[in-house]
Amino acid sequence: MVAPSATDGQAQLAVFDLSGRRVALILGRGGSTLVWDGRDERTRSPACSGIYFYRLEAGDYRREGKIAVVR
């Protein structure tokens, strides 16, 4: 996902499982491409197959959606 430019220059992509637990947090600069590699941030192991939710934020911009992981 490409994060829109932000006045403070910061952007983040957060990924959550169905229970609401954050699985990953990717930080970057506004205007950059933020990519989730499909790994759990705590264990660094691949996330299980299933539906995940994401939140992309850059300045006042916010977008949410779903991601399907199939292994």
PDB file of N, CA and C in Angstrom:
ATOM      1  N   MET A   1       0.838  -1.164   0.000  1.00  0.00           N
ATOM      2  CA  MET A   1       0.000   0.000   0.000  1.00  0.00           C
ATOM      3  C   MET A   1       0.886   1.230   0.000  1.00  0.00           C
ATOM      4  N   VAL A   2       0.462   2.213  -0.732  1.00  0.00           N
ATOM      5  CA  VAL A   2       1.207   3.465  -0.768  1.00  0.00           C
ATOM      6  C   VAL A   2       0.561   4.424   0.213  1.00  0.00           C
ATOM      7  N   ALA A   3       1.348   4.879   1.163  1.00  0.00           N
ATOM      8  CA  ALA A   3       0.850   5.829   2.160  1.00  0.00           C
ATOM      9  C   ALA A   3       0.841   7.225   1.547  1.00  0.00           C
ATOM     10  N   PRO A   4      -0.250   7.965   1.695  1.00  0.00           N
ATOM     11  CA  PRO A   4      -0.265   9.338   1.186  1.00  0.00           C
ATOM     12  C   PRO A   4       0.743  10.195   1.931  1.00  0.00           C
ATOM     13  N   SER A   5       1.139  11.289   1.318  1.00  0.00           N
ATOM     14  CA  SER A   5       2.068  12.202   1.987  1.00  0.00           C
ATOM     15  C   SER A   5       1.401  12.786   3.220  1.00  0.00           C
ATOM     16  N   ALA A   6       2.156  12.911   4.282  1.00  0.00           N
ATOM     17  CA  ALA A   6       1.633  13.443   5.544  1.00  0.00           C
ATOM     18  C   ALA A   6       2.464  14.648   5.944  1.00  0.00           C
ATOM     19  N   THR A   7       1.819  15.598   6.619  1.00  0.00           N
ATOM     20  CA  THR A   7       2.526  16.807   7.019  1.00  0.00           C
ATOM     21  C   THR A   7       3.671  16.508   7.971  1.00  0.00           C
ATOM     22  N   ASP A   8       3.506  15.507   8.835  1.00  0.00           N
ATOM     23  CA  ASP A   8       4.583  15.164   9.762  1.00  0.00           C
ATOM     24  C   ASP A   8       5.527  14.126   9.168  1.00  0.00           C
ATOM     25  N   GLY A   9       5.216  13.631   7.957  1.00  0.00           N
ATOM     26  CA  GLY A   9       6.101  12.700   7.273  1.00  0.00           C
ATOM     27  C   GLY A   9       5.987  11.257   7.731  1.00  0.00           C
ATOM     28  N   GLN A  10       5.163  10.967   8.744  1.00  0.00           N
ATOM     29  CA  GLN A  10       5.069   9.617   9.286  1.00  0.00           C
ATOM     30  C   GLN A  10       3.855   8.885   8.725  1.00  0.00           C
ATOM     31  N   ALA A  11       4.002   7.575   8.539  1.00  0.00           N
ATOM     32  CA  ALA A  11       2.890   6.721   8.119  1.00  0.00           C
ATOM     33  C   ALA A  11       3.036   5.388   8.833  1.00  0.00           C
ATOM     34  N   GLN A  12       1.919   4.709   9.035  1.00  0.00           N
ATOM     35  CA  GLN A  12       1.982   3.384   9.650  1.00  0.00           C
ATOM     36  C   GLN A  12       0.880   2.498   9.100  1.00  0.00           C
ATOM     37  N   LEU A  13       1.215   1.231   8.985  1.00  0.00           N
ATOM     38  CA  LEU A  13       0.276   0.199   8.566  1.00  0.00           C
ATOM     39  C   LEU A  13       0.207  -0.809   9.706  1.00  0.00           C
ATOM     40  N   ALA A  14      -0.965  -0.932  10.326  1.00  0.00           N
ATOM     41  CA  ALA A  14      -1.161  -1.890  11.410  1.00  0.00           C
ATOM     42  C   ALA A  14      -2.048  -3.014  10.900  1.00  0.00           C
ATOM     43  N   VAL A  15      -1.702  -4.266  11.250  1.00  0.00           N
ATOM     44  CA  VAL A  15      -2.467  -5.441  10.843  1.00  0.00           C
ATOM     45  C   VAL A  15      -2.958  -6.142  12.104  1.00  0.00           C
ATOM     46  N   PHE A  16      -4.255  -6.516  12.111  1.00  0.00           N
ATOM     47  CA  PHE A  16      -4.889  -7.132  13.279  1.00  0.00           C
ATOM     48  C   PHE A  16      -5.535  -8.454  12.892  1.00  0.00           C
ATOM     49  N   ASP A  17      -5.562  -9.406  13.839  1.00  0.00           N
ATOM     50  CA  ASP A  17      -6.285 -10.655  13.599  1.00  0.00           C
ATOM     51  C   ASP A  17      -7.757 -10.450  13.966  1.00  0.00           C
ATOM     52  N   LEU A  18      -8.560 -11.489  13.817  1.00  0.00           N
ATOM     53  CA  LEU A  18     -10.004 -11.371  14.069  1.00  0.00           C
ATOM     54  C   LEU A  18     -10.345 -11.039  15.513  1.00  0.00           C
ATOM     55  N   SER A  19      -9.454 -11.370  16.451  1.00  0.00           N
ATOM     56  CA  SER A  19      -9.718 -11.060  17.862  1.00  0.00           C
ATOM     57  C   SER A  19      -9.296  -9.635  18.216  1.00  0.00           C
ATOM     58  N   GLY A  20      -8.708  -8.917  17.262  1.00  0.00           N
ATOM     59  CA  GLY A  20      -8.283  -7.538  17.509  1.00  0.00           C
ATOM     60  C   GLY A  20      -6.847  -7.403  17.963  1.00  0.00           C
ATOM     61  N   ARG A  21      -6.121  -8.519  18.071  1.00  0.00           N
ATOM     62  CA  ARG A  21      -4.713  -8.470  18.482  1.00  0.00           C
ATOM     63  C   ARG A  21      -3.874  -7.959  17.312  1.00  0.00           C
ATOM     64  N   ARG A  22      -3.010  -6.982  17.592  1.00  0.00           N
ATOM     65  CA  ARG A  22      -2.139  -6.478  16.533  1.00  0.00           C
ATOM     66  C   ARG A  22      -1.129  -7.549  16.177  1.00  0.00           C
ATOM     67  N   VAL A  23      -1.056  -7.890  14.916  1.00  0.00           N
ATOM     68  CA  VAL A  23      -0.149  -8.907  14.405  1.00  0.00           C
ATOM     69  C   VAL A  23       1.128  -8.265  13.877  1.00  0.00           C
ATOM     70  N   ALA A  24       1.010  -7.088  13.277  1.00  0.00           N
ATOM     71  CA  ALA A  24       2.175  -6.421  12.702  1.00  0.00           C
ATOM     72  C   ALA A  24       1.976  -4.916  12.694  1.00  0.00           C
ATOM     73  N   LEU A  25       3.081  -4.193  12.758  1.00  0.00           N
ATOM     74  CA  LEU A  25       3.079  -2.736  12.639  1.00  0.00           C
ATOM     75  C   LEU A  25       4.244  -2.359  11.744  1.00  0.00           C
ATOM     76  N   ILE A  26       3.936  -1.731  10.628  1.00  0.00           N
ATOM     77  CA  ILE A  26       4.957  -1.316   9.668  1.00  0.00           C
ATOM     78  C   ILE A  26       4.982   0.209   9.681  1.00  0.00           C
ATOM     79  N   LEU A  27       6.133   0.778   9.947  1.00  0.00           N
ATOM     80  CA  LEU A  27       6.301   2.224  10.002  1.00  0.00           C
ATOM     81  C   LEU A  27       7.057   2.698   8.776  1.00  0.00           C
ATOM     82  N   GLY A  28       6.723   3.904   8.321  1.00  0.00           N
ATOM     83  CA  GLY A  28       7.417   4.467   7.166  1.00  0.00           C
ATOM     84  C   GLY A  28       7.125   5.943   7.048  1.00  0.00           C
ATOM     85  N   ARG A  29       7.486   6.485   5.929  1.00  0.00           N
ATOM     86  CA  ARG A  29       7.267   7.894   5.648  1.00  0.00           C
ATOM     87  C   ARG A  29       6.089   8.040   4.710  1.00  0.00           C
ATOM     88  N   GLY A  30       5.369   9.143   4.823  1.00  0.00           N
ATOM     89  CA  GLY A  30       4.280   9.422   3.904  1.00  0.00           C
ATOM     90  C   GLY A  30       4.780   9.390   2.474  1.00  0.00           C
ATOM     91  N   GLY A  31       4.012   8.814   1.579  1.00  0.00           N
ATOM     92  CA  GLY A  31       4.408   8.695   0.180  1.00  0.00           C
ATOM     93  C   GLY A  31       5.191   7.438  -0.133  1.00  0.00           C
ATOM     94  N   SER A  32       5.582   6.674   0.898  1.00  0.00           N
ATOM     95  CA  SER A  32       6.338   5.440   0.669  1.00  0.00           C
ATOM     96  C   SER A  32       5.390   4.252   0.564  1.00  0.00           C
ATOM     97  N   THR A  33       5.903   3.131   0.098  1.00  0.00           N
ATOM     98  CA  THR A  33       5.126   1.900   0.025  1.00  0.00           C
ATOM     99  C   THR A  33       5.357   1.109   1.301  1.00  0.00           C
ATOM    100  N   LEU A  34       4.272   0.753   1.982  1.00  0.00           N
ATOM    101  CA  LEU A  34       4.353  -0.030   3.208  1.00  0.00           C
ATOM    102  C   LEU A  34       3.869  -1.442   2.886  1.00  0.00           C
ATOM    103  N   VAL A  35       4.685  -2.439   3.208  1.00  0.00           N
ATOM    104  CA  VAL A  35       4.381  -3.825   2.844  1.00  0.00           C
ATOM    105  C   VAL A  35       4.448  -4.704   4.084  1.00  0.00           C
ATOM    106  N   TRP A  36       3.388  -5.477   4.296  1.00  0.00           N
ATOM    107  CA  TRP A  36       3.386  -6.492   5.355  1.00  0.00           C
ATOM    108  C   TRP A  36       3.908  -7.775   4.733  1.00  0.00           C
ATOM    109  N   ASP A  37       4.926  -8.351   5.332  1.00  0.00           N
ATOM    110  CA  ASP A  37       5.537  -9.569   4.795  1.00  0.00           C
ATOM    111  C   ASP A  37       4.810 -10.840   5.220  1.00  0.00           C
ATOM    112  N   GLY A  38       3.681 -10.702   5.915  1.00  0.00           N
ATOM    113  CA  GLY A  38       2.884 -11.859   6.309  1.00  0.00           C
ATOM    114  C   GLY A  38       3.364 -12.542   7.576  1.00  0.00           C
ATOM    115  N   ARG A  39       4.268 -11.901   8.296  1.00  0.00           N
ATOM    116  CA  ARG A  39       4.800 -12.503   9.525  1.00  0.00           C
ATOM    117  C   ARG A  39       4.247 -11.817  10.764  1.00  0.00           C
ATOM    118  N   ASP A  40       4.137 -12.585  11.827  1.00  0.00           N
ATOM    119  CA  ASP A  40       3.730 -12.082  13.130  1.00  0.00           C
ATOM    120  C   ASP A  40       4.902 -11.288  13.713  1.00  0.00           C
ATOM    121  N   GLU A  41       4.644 -10.085  14.212  1.00  0.00           N
ATOM    122  CA  GLU A  41       5.743  -9.242  14.705  1.00  0.00           C
ATOM    123  C   GLU A  41       6.379  -9.787  15.981  1.00  0.00           C
ATOM    124  N   ARG A  42       5.651 -10.581  16.752  1.00  0.00           N
ATOM    125  CA  ARG A  42       6.223 -11.112  17.999  1.00  0.00           C
ATOM    126  C   ARG A  42       7.079 -12.347  17.755  1.00  0.00           C
ATOM    127  N   THR A  43       6.553 -13.273  16.967  1.00  0.00           N
ATOM    128  CA  THR A  43       7.259 -14.551  16.776  1.00  0.00           C
ATOM    129  C   THR A  43       8.062 -14.597  15.489  1.00  0.00           C
ATOM    130  N   ARG A  44       7.826 -13.655  14.594  1.00  0.00           N
ATOM    131  CA  ARG A  44       8.460 -13.597  13.267  1.00  0.00           C
ATOM    132  C   ARG A  44       8.134 -14.828  12.427  1.00  0.00           C
ATOM    133  N   SER A  45       7.149 -15.614  12.870  1.00  0.00           N
ATOM    134  CA  SER A  45       6.715 -16.766  12.082  1.00  0.00           C
ATOM    135  C   SER A  45       5.596 -16.317  11.143  1.00  0.00           C
ATOM    136  N   PRO A  46       5.377 -17.053  10.054  1.00  0.00           N
ATOM    137  CA  PRO A  46       4.301 -16.682   9.128  1.00  0.00           C
ATOM    138  C   PRO A  46       2.941 -16.697   9.836  1.00  0.00           C
ATOM    139  N   ALA A  47       2.128 -15.718   9.526  1.00  0.00           N
ATOM    140  CA  ALA A  47       0.780 -15.660  10.088  1.00  0.00           C
ATOM    141  C   ALA A  47      -0.050 -16.809   9.523  1.00  0.00           C
ATOM    142  N   CYS A  48      -0.989 -17.286  10.281  1.00  0.00           N
ATOM    143  CA  CYS A  48      -1.873 -18.373   9.850  1.00  0.00           C
ATOM    144  C   CYS A  48      -2.795 -17.886   8.737  1.00  0.00           C
ATOM    145  N   SER A  49      -3.283 -18.837   7.944  1.00  0.00           N
ATOM    146  CA  SER A  49      -4.282 -18.507   6.938  1.00  0.00           C
ATOM    147  C   SER A  49      -5.499 -17.917   7.628  1.00  0.00           C
ATOM    148  N   GLY A  50      -6.131 -16.953   6.993  1.00  0.00           N
ATOM    149  CA  GLY A  50      -7.332 -16.360   7.560  1.00  0.00           C
ATOM    150  C   GLY A  50      -7.527 -14.940   7.089  1.00  0.00           C
ATOM    151  N   ILE A  51      -8.485 -14.282   7.713  1.00  0.00           N
ATOM    152  CA  ILE A  51      -8.810 -12.889   7.411  1.00  0.00           C
ATOM    153  C   ILE A  51      -8.153 -11.998   8.456  1.00  0.00           C
ATOM    154  N   TYR A  52      -7.530 -10.933   7.991  1.00  0.00           N
ATOM    155  CA  TYR A  52      -6.894  -9.945   8.859  1.00  0.00           C
ATOM    156  C   TYR A  52      -7.425  -8.570   8.470  1.00  0.00           C
ATOM    157  N   PHE A  53      -7.376  -7.657   9.397  1.00  0.00           N
ATOM    158  CA  PHE A  53      -7.794  -6.291   9.149  1.00  0.00           C
ATOM    159  C   PHE A  53      -6.568  -5.386   9.171  1.00  0.00           C
ATOM    160  N   TYR A  54      -6.596  -4.324   8.375  1.00  0.00           N
ATOM    161  CA  TYR A  54      -5.481  -3.376   8.385  1.00  0.00           C
ATOM    162  C   TYR A  54      -6.002  -1.969   8.610  1.00  0.00           C
ATOM    163  N   ARG A  55      -5.120  -1.132   9.132  1.00  0.00           N
ATOM    164  CA  ARG A  55      -5.371   0.298   9.275  1.00  0.00           C
ATOM    165  C   ARG A  55      -4.139   1.030   8.776  1.00  0.00           C
ATOM    166  N   LEU A  56      -4.317   1.854   7.766  1.00  0.00           N
ATOM    167  CA  LEU A  56      -3.239   2.663   7.212  1.00  0.00           C
ATOM    168  C   LEU A  56      -3.478   4.101   7.641  1.00  0.00           C
ATOM    169  N   GLU A  57      -2.487   4.707   8.289  1.00  0.00           N
ATOM    170  CA  GLU A  57      -2.606   6.087   8.750  1.00  0.00           C
ATOM    171  C   GLU A  57      -1.396   6.892   8.305  1.00  0.00           C
ATOM    172  N   ALA A  58      -1.685   8.099   7.821  1.00  0.00           N
ATOM    173  CA  ALA A  58      -0.632   9.052   7.456  1.00  0.00           C
ATOM    174  C   ALA A  58      -1.209  10.444   7.660  1.00  0.00           C
ATOM    175  N   GLY A  59      -0.752  11.121   8.698  1.00  0.00           N
ATOM    176  CA  GLY A  59      -1.323  12.426   9.030  1.00  0.00           C
ATOM    177  C   GLY A  59      -2.796  12.276   9.363  1.00  0.00           C
ATOM    178  N   ASP A  60      -3.666  13.043   8.686  1.00  0.00           N
ATOM    179  CA  ASP A  60      -5.110  12.961   8.903  1.00  0.00           C
ATOM    180  C   ASP A  60      -5.759  11.859   8.081  1.00  0.00           C
ATOM    181  N   TYR A  61      -5.011  11.237   7.184  1.00  0.00           N
ATOM    182  CA  TYR A  61      -5.545  10.177   6.328  1.00  0.00           C
ATOM    183  C   TYR A  61      -5.643   8.870   7.106  1.00  0.00           C
ATOM    184  N   ARG A  62      -6.765   8.172   6.911  1.00  0.00           N
ATOM    185  CA  ARG A  62      -6.944   6.872   7.568  1.00  0.00           C
ATOM    186  C   ARG A  62      -7.756   5.981   6.640  1.00  0.00           C
ATOM    187  N   ARG A  63      -7.278   4.777   6.435  1.00  0.00           N
ATOM    188  CA  ARG A  63      -7.993   3.807   5.608  1.00  0.00           C
ATOM    189  C   ARG A  63      -7.941   2.461   6.307  1.00  0.00           C
ATOM    190  N   GLU A  64      -9.059   1.747   6.276  1.00  0.00           N
ATOM    191  CA  GLU A  64      -9.141   0.432   6.894  1.00  0.00           C
ATOM    192  C   GLU A  64      -9.698  -0.554   5.883  1.00  0.00           C
ATOM    193  N   GLY A  65      -9.344  -1.822   6.051  1.00  0.00           N
ATOM    194  CA  GLY A  65      -9.851  -2.841   5.152  1.00  0.00           C
ATOM    195  C   GLY A  65      -9.477  -4.222   5.625  1.00  0.00           C
ATOM    196  N   LYS A  66      -9.671  -5.204   4.738  1.00  0.00           N
ATOM    197  CA  LYS A  66      -9.398  -6.605   5.063  1.00  0.00           C
ATOM    198  C   LYS A  66      -8.300  -7.143   4.165  1.00  0.00           C
ATOM    199  N   ILE A  67      -7.588  -8.132   4.685  1.00  0.00           N
ATOM    200  CA  ILE A  67      -6.557  -8.853   3.945  1.00  0.00           C
ATOM    201  C   ILE A  67      -6.824 -10.341   4.153  1.00  0.00           C
ATOM    202  N   ALA A  68      -6.804 -11.112   3.098  1.00  0.00           N
ATOM    203  CA  ALA A  68      -6.943 -12.567   3.209  1.00  0.00           C
ATOM    204  C   ALA A  68      -5.565 -13.184   3.042  1.00  0.00           C
ATOM    205  N   VAL A  69      -5.188 -14.051   3.978  1.00  0.00           N
ATOM    206  CA  VAL A  69      -3.912 -14.772   3.901  1.00  0.00           C
ATOM    207  C   VAL A  69      -4.230 -16.231   3.650  1.00  0.00           C
ATOM    208  N   VAL A  70      -3.651 -16.766   2.577  1.00  0.00           N
ATOM    209  CA  VAL A  70      -3.847 -18.172   2.220  1.00  0.00           C
ATOM    210  C   VAL A  70      -2.478 -18.823   2.147  1.00  0.00           C
ATOM    211  N   ARG A  71      -2.270 -19.854   2.915  1.00  0.00           N
ATOM    212  CA  ARG A  71      -0.985 -20.563   2.923  1.00  0.00           C
ATOM    213  C   ARG A  71      -1.143 -21.919   2.314  1.00  0.00           C
TER     214      ARG A  71
END
